[in-house]
Each structure stands twice: as C-alpha cells, then as structure tokens.
Protein backbone atom coordinates (compact mmCIF):
# COMPACT_ATOMS: atom_id res chain seq x y z
CA MET A 1 70.04 35.61 60.01
CA LEU A 2 68.90 32.47 61.82
CA LYS A 3 68.51 34.44 65.06
CA LEU A 4 66.30 37.01 63.27
CA LEU A 5 64.10 34.25 61.84
CA ALA A 6 63.83 32.59 65.26
CA LYS A 7 62.89 35.92 66.87
CA TRP A 8 60.21 36.49 64.23
CA LEU A 9 58.71 33.02 64.73
CA LEU A 10 58.81 33.30 68.52
CA SER A 11 57.30 36.80 68.41
CA ALA A 12 54.43 35.51 66.28
CA THR A 13 53.98 32.64 68.75
CA ALA A 14 53.94 35.15 71.62
CA LEU A 15 51.29 37.15 69.78
CA MET A 16 49.18 34.01 69.40
CA ALA A 17 49.64 33.24 73.10
CA LEU A 18 48.60 36.81 73.91
CA THR A 19 45.23 36.20 72.25
CA TYR A 20 44.58 33.36 74.70
CA LEU A 21 45.79 35.34 77.71
CA TYR A 22 43.99 38.61 76.99
CA SER A 23 40.68 39.05 75.19
CA GLY A 24 41.42 42.61 74.01
CA VAL A 25 43.79 41.31 71.33
CA GLN A 26 42.62 38.95 68.59
CA VAL A 27 44.62 37.20 65.87
CA ALA A 28 42.93 35.22 63.09
CA GLY A 29 45.65 32.57 62.79
CA PHE A 30 49.36 31.94 62.80
CA ALA A 31 49.88 33.49 59.35
CA ALA A 32 48.18 36.66 60.56
CA ALA A 33 50.38 36.57 63.67
CA MET A 34 53.46 36.32 61.44
CA TRP A 35 52.36 39.39 59.46
CA ALA A 36 51.46 41.28 62.62
CA ALA A 37 54.82 40.46 64.23
CA LEU A 38 56.57 41.67 61.07
CA ILE A 39 54.55 44.91 61.02
CA ILE A 40 55.16 45.52 64.73
CA GLY A 41 58.87 44.95 64.21
CA LEU A 42 59.02 47.33 61.26
CA LEU A 43 57.06 50.02 63.09
CA ASN A 44 59.31 49.66 66.13
CA ALA A 45 62.42 49.91 63.96
CA LEU A 46 61.32 52.79 61.72
CA VAL A 47 58.61 54.90 63.38
CA ARG A 48 59.20 54.52 67.12
CA PRO A 49 62.65 56.20 67.15
CA VAL A 50 61.19 59.25 65.40
CA LEU A 51 58.27 59.41 67.82
CA PHE A 52 60.66 59.01 70.73
CA ILE A 53 62.73 62.01 69.60
CA LEU A 54 59.62 64.13 68.92
CA THR A 55 58.07 63.34 72.30
CA LEU A 56 61.27 63.47 74.34
CA PRO A 57 60.21 66.51 76.43
CA ILE A 58 56.95 64.89 77.56
CA THR A 59 58.74 61.57 78.11
CA VAL A 60 61.20 63.33 80.43
CA LEU A 61 58.38 65.16 82.25
CA THR A 62 56.52 61.91 82.86
CA LEU A 63 59.72 60.16 83.96
CA GLY A 64 59.59 57.78 81.00
CA PHE A 65 55.98 56.66 81.38
CA PHE A 66 55.01 58.25 78.06
CA PHE A 67 57.19 55.63 76.37
CA PHE A 68 54.47 53.09 77.28
CA ILE A 69 52.03 55.22 75.28
CA ILE A 70 54.39 55.19 72.29
CA ASN A 71 54.66 51.39 72.50
CA ALA A 72 50.87 51.13 72.67
CA LEU A 73 50.56 53.44 69.64
CA MET A 74 52.85 51.15 67.64
CA PHE A 75 50.85 48.10 68.74
CA TYR A 76 47.55 49.79 67.88
CA ALA A 77 48.89 51.04 64.52
CA ALA A 78 49.97 47.51 63.64
CA SER A 79 46.42 46.31 64.21
CA GLY A 80 45.19 48.96 61.80
CA LEU A 81 47.68 47.88 59.14
CA SER A 82 47.05 44.13 59.44
CA ASP A 83 43.83 42.37 58.47
CA GLY A 84 43.98 39.37 60.80
CA PHE A 85 45.22 41.28 63.85
CA HIS A 86 42.74 43.31 65.89
CA VAL A 87 43.09 45.33 69.10
CA ARG A 88 39.76 46.30 70.67
CA ASN A 89 40.66 49.85 71.84
CA PHE A 90 43.58 51.94 73.04
CA GLY A 91 43.34 50.62 76.60
CA ALA A 92 43.63 47.10 75.21
CA ALA A 93 46.62 48.29 73.18
CA ILE A 94 48.37 49.47 76.34
CA ILE A 95 47.82 46.15 78.13
CA GLY A 96 48.59 44.12 75.01
CA SER A 97 51.80 46.03 74.30
CA LEU A 98 52.96 45.55 77.90
CA LEU A 99 52.36 41.80 77.72
CA TYR A 100 53.92 41.55 74.25
CA SER A 101 56.97 43.55 75.42
CA ALA A 102 57.38 41.23 78.42
CA ALA A 103 57.27 38.25 76.07
CA GLY A 104 59.82 40.01 73.84
CA LEU A 105 62.21 40.40 76.77
CA ILE A 106 61.93 36.70 77.54
CA ILE A 107 62.47 35.82 73.87
CA ASP A 108 65.52 38.09 73.61
CA SER A 109 67.13 36.64 76.72
CA ALA A 110 66.46 33.07 75.53
CA LEU A 111 67.93 33.81 72.10
CA GLU A 112 71.04 35.38 73.64
CA GLY A 113 71.69 32.05 75.32
CA ALA A 114 70.94 30.07 72.16
CA PHE A 115 72.91 32.35 69.82
CA PRO A 116 75.82 33.81 71.79
CA ARG A 117 77.67 36.77 70.28
CA ARG A 118 81.00 36.08 68.65
CA ARG A 119 83.93 38.28 69.50
C-alpha cells in the first residue's frame, strides 16, 4: 500500500516536471497532477489492455510501434477527463507519453530498490 502511494506521488511529481520540460503538456498545479496521475493509472489499468487486444494485429504488423499510439491515446484521453491537465494535440500526447513513460520506468526501478519484494 505504501509503495502504491509512493508511486502515485512520484508519478504526479513526474507529470509536474514534464510541464517544465515540454511545453505541449500543461498542469495547473500539484493537485491537478495528482488527479491526472490517478486517471492515467486507471486508464492504463482498465482500458489499455482491451485496446491492446483489439489492436494486436496492427501492433504485430508495425512491430510493436502501434503500442506507442495506444499509450499516447491514454495520455490524451486523461487530459480530456481532467480539468487541470491539458495536452495541446496528439503529437504532443505522443511526446508527452514517451517522456512520462520514461519517468515511470525510473520511478519503478527506484521503488523496487526501496520496497524489495518479500519471498
């Protein structure tokens, strides 16, 4: 539970940092970043697996590159569902989702070291 809370806080922080690194993504404040991180997480947990299964043939044909489009769709959809989170256009969603995913990888690896799995 503590690891999930830490991931949520760090993901919101990464989203705030993304607004300073890239002008195509805007967040009104840290509370809006918290909501946006929650919405992105829920979309990735609930909608993305369904989209992945439905678009599996085109994902295979493009050698997995279409998965970047699915990630950008989730990022762009989150901006439509959140008031304080705005993505300028779909191109900005692609770049923003790539940067946010890179930050997520760093966060996950850091949390694995901080919260090792028990066996």
